[in-house]
Amino acid sequence: MPLSARARKLLLLVHIAAAGVWLGLDLVLGILVFTAITGDPTGAGAAAASLAAVATWPIVIVGLVSLVSGVLLGLGTKYGLVRYRWVLVKLVINVVLVTLVVLVLWPGIVNLGDAGRAALAEGDAPAVSATLVFPPVVSSTALIVAMTLSVFKPWGRTRRISRGPSA
């Protein structure tokens, strides 16, 4: 069902805003991770304690807003959800990133936040794994790829699946 021009523009605004907020949260996550790894004990503890506030609900919510608004745009515009390869790739990126946040990042970040609060209370620096650098780098890169696909709309249409012999 095609969207009206007003509904399409509103959904597009929501979609772009959600992607921008998501990228911003990833950048904040990267700064907090860097501070937690390299900072003095107080700064590292505060950064580790703050990570859960950024890398849990906020990222999941903007990821889901981006996903829902993108699906609605796909269903209500000429681009469809699987009609064009660039739209399909963006859909896969979004689903993968939200899934990774919920299943992989969230549990570790919550534990790190607890460790950061405990380290602050004791005046020590928390033990922060250097592998935490990868989530904000990978997510930011994937989001920039998705944004680039939206602007340049590369590739063409996906192949149509044959529906049997024509009459």
Protein backbone atom coordinates (compact mmCIF):
# COMPACT_ATOMS: atom_id res chain seq x y z
CA MET A 1 0.00 0.00 0.00
CA PRO A 2 1.60 3.27 -1.09
CA LEU A 3 2.24 5.93 1.54
CA SER A 4 0.99 9.47 1.15
CA ALA A 5 3.71 12.05 0.53
CA ARG A 6 3.30 13.42 4.07
CA ALA A 7 3.48 9.96 5.71
CA ARG A 8 6.51 9.01 3.59
CA LYS A 9 8.36 12.18 4.56
CA LEU A 10 7.52 11.74 8.24
CA LEU A 11 8.70 8.11 8.20
CA LEU A 12 11.84 9.10 6.32
CA LEU A 13 12.56 11.78 8.92
CA VAL A 14 12.09 9.28 11.76
CA HIS A 15 14.30 6.75 9.94
CA ILE A 16 17.11 9.26 9.34
CA ALA A 17 16.89 10.64 12.90
CA ALA A 18 17.02 7.14 14.41
CA ALA A 19 20.07 6.27 12.32
CA GLY A 20 21.77 9.51 13.35
CA VAL A 21 21.06 8.92 17.03
CA TRP A 22 22.30 5.32 16.68
CA LEU A 23 25.56 6.50 15.12
CA GLY A 24 25.94 9.12 17.86
CA LEU A 25 25.39 6.51 20.58
CA ASP A 26 28.02 4.32 18.94
CA LEU A 27 30.48 7.21 19.01
CA VAL A 28 29.72 7.85 22.70
CA LEU A 29 30.15 4.12 23.33
CA GLY A 30 33.55 4.26 21.63
CA ILE A 31 34.66 7.22 23.75
CA LEU A 32 33.51 5.50 26.95
CA VAL A 33 35.28 2.26 26.01
CA PHE A 34 38.49 4.16 25.20
CA THR A 35 38.27 6.01 28.52
CA ALA A 36 37.54 2.80 30.43
CA ILE A 37 40.62 1.16 28.88
CA THR A 38 43.08 4.04 29.06
CA GLY A 39 41.80 6.36 31.79
CA ASP A 40 42.97 6.88 35.33
CA PRO A 41 41.20 4.67 37.91
CA THR A 42 38.43 7.16 38.62
CA GLY A 43 37.80 8.00 34.96
CA ALA A 44 37.99 4.36 33.92
CA GLY A 45 35.57 3.34 36.66
CA ALA A 46 33.13 6.13 35.77
CA ALA A 47 33.33 5.29 32.05
CA ALA A 48 32.78 1.58 32.70
CA ALA A 49 29.85 2.34 34.99
CA SER A 50 28.32 4.62 32.33
CA LEU A 51 28.58 2.11 29.48
CA ALA A 52 25.39 0.27 30.40
CA ALA A 53 23.43 3.53 30.21
CA VAL A 54 24.45 3.98 26.57
CA ALA A 55 24.90 0.48 25.16
CA THR A 56 21.71 -1.19 26.31
CA TRP A 57 18.20 0.24 26.01
CA PRO A 58 19.07 3.40 24.06
CA ILE A 59 20.83 1.53 21.25
CA VAL A 60 18.18 -1.19 21.11
CA ILE A 61 15.38 1.38 20.98
CA VAL A 62 16.91 3.45 18.16
CA GLY A 63 17.81 0.25 16.33
CA LEU A 64 14.22 -0.94 16.52
CA VAL A 65 12.85 2.49 15.52
CA SER A 66 15.19 2.42 12.54
CA LEU A 67 14.09 -1.12 11.69
CA VAL A 68 10.35 -0.45 11.96
CA SER A 69 10.51 2.85 10.07
CA GLY A 70 12.65 1.22 7.38
CA VAL A 71 10.26 -1.70 7.00
CA LEU A 72 7.29 0.68 6.75
CA LEU A 73 9.15 2.75 4.15
CA GLY A 74 10.00 -0.40 2.23
CA LEU A 75 6.41 -1.59 2.26
CA GLY A 76 4.98 1.81 1.36
CA THR A 77 7.36 2.97 -1.37
CA LYS A 78 8.59 1.79 -4.75
CA TYR A 79 11.77 0.38 -3.20
CA GLY A 80 10.10 -2.49 -1.35
CA LEU A 81 11.87 -4.65 1.23
CA VAL A 82 13.57 -7.08 -1.12
CA ARG A 83 13.04 -5.48 -4.51
CA TYR A 84 16.40 -3.67 -4.50
CA ARG A 85 19.66 -5.14 -3.26
CA TRP A 86 20.69 -2.00 -1.36
CA VAL A 87 17.44 -2.06 0.64
CA LEU A 88 17.89 -5.74 1.43
CA VAL A 89 21.48 -5.14 2.57
CA LYS A 90 20.33 -2.28 4.83
CA LEU A 91 17.64 -4.51 6.32
CA VAL A 92 20.17 -7.26 7.03
CA ILE A 93 22.62 -4.78 8.59
CA ASN A 94 19.92 -3.44 10.89
CA VAL A 95 18.68 -6.86 12.01
CA VAL A 96 22.23 -8.15 12.58
CA LEU A 97 23.31 -5.10 14.58
CA VAL A 98 20.25 -5.09 16.85
CA THR A 99 20.61 -8.84 17.40
CA LEU A 100 24.30 -8.46 18.27
CA VAL A 101 23.56 -5.70 20.75
CA VAL A 102 20.92 -7.77 22.54
CA LEU A 103 22.67 -11.14 22.50
CA VAL A 104 26.37 -10.27 22.66
CA LEU A 105 27.04 -6.71 23.79
CA TRP A 106 24.33 -6.21 26.41
CA PRO A 107 25.31 -8.99 28.86
CA GLY A 108 28.99 -8.01 28.84
CA ILE A 109 28.26 -4.31 29.18
CA VAL A 110 25.94 -4.86 32.15
CA ASN A 111 28.67 -6.88 33.90
CA LEU A 112 31.25 -4.22 33.05
CA GLY A 113 28.97 -1.52 34.45
CA ASP A 114 28.73 -3.46 37.73
CA ALA A 115 32.52 -3.87 37.78
CA GLY A 116 32.96 -0.15 37.09
CA ARG A 117 30.73 0.80 40.01
CA ALA A 118 32.59 -1.63 42.29
CA ALA A 119 35.95 -0.26 41.09
CA LEU A 120 34.79 3.30 41.78
CA ALA A 121 33.81 2.34 45.32
CA GLU A 122 37.23 0.74 45.88
CA GLY A 123 39.23 3.43 44.07
CA ASP A 124 40.60 0.94 41.53
CA ALA A 125 40.38 0.79 37.76
CA PRO A 126 38.07 -1.93 36.43
CA ALA A 127 39.43 -4.70 34.24
CA VAL A 128 38.25 -3.79 30.75
CA SER A 129 38.88 -6.07 27.79
CA ALA A 130 40.41 -4.44 24.73
CA THR A 131 37.94 -6.43 22.62
CA LEU A 132 35.28 -3.89 23.63
CA VAL A 133 36.80 -1.57 21.04
CA PHE A 134 35.29 -3.68 18.27
CA PRO A 135 31.52 -3.17 18.85
CA PRO A 136 31.50 0.62 18.38
CA VAL A 137 33.92 0.40 15.43
CA VAL A 138 31.98 -2.38 13.67
CA SER A 139 28.59 -0.84 14.38
CA SER A 140 29.63 2.67 13.30
CA THR A 141 31.16 1.29 10.11
CA ALA A 142 28.06 -0.76 9.32
CA LEU A 143 25.79 2.23 9.94
CA ILE A 144 27.90 4.45 7.67
CA VAL A 145 27.72 1.74 4.99
CA ALA A 146 23.91 1.64 5.37
CA MET A 147 23.71 5.44 5.16
CA THR A 148 25.92 5.41 2.07
CA LEU A 149 23.66 2.82 0.45
CA SER A 150 20.66 5.07 1.12
CA VAL A 151 22.29 8.00 -0.63
CA PHE A 152 23.87 6.28 -3.64
CA LYS A 153 21.38 3.40 -4.09
CA PRO A 154 23.90 1.14 -5.86
CA TRP A 155 23.31 -2.13 -7.64
CA GLY A 156 20.01 -2.91 -9.19
CA ARG A 157 16.89 -4.82 -8.52
CA THR A 158 17.02 -8.28 -7.05
CA ARG A 159 16.22 -11.09 -9.44
CA ARG A 160 12.61 -11.98 -9.68
CA ILE A 161 11.73 -15.52 -8.74
CA SER A 162 9.92 -17.36 -11.50
CA ARG A 163 6.32 -18.14 -10.62
CA GLY A 164 6.01 -21.11 -12.90
CA PRO A 165 5.21 -21.42 -16.60
CA SER A 166 3.40 -18.48 -18.12
CA ALA A 167 0.11 -19.06 -19.84
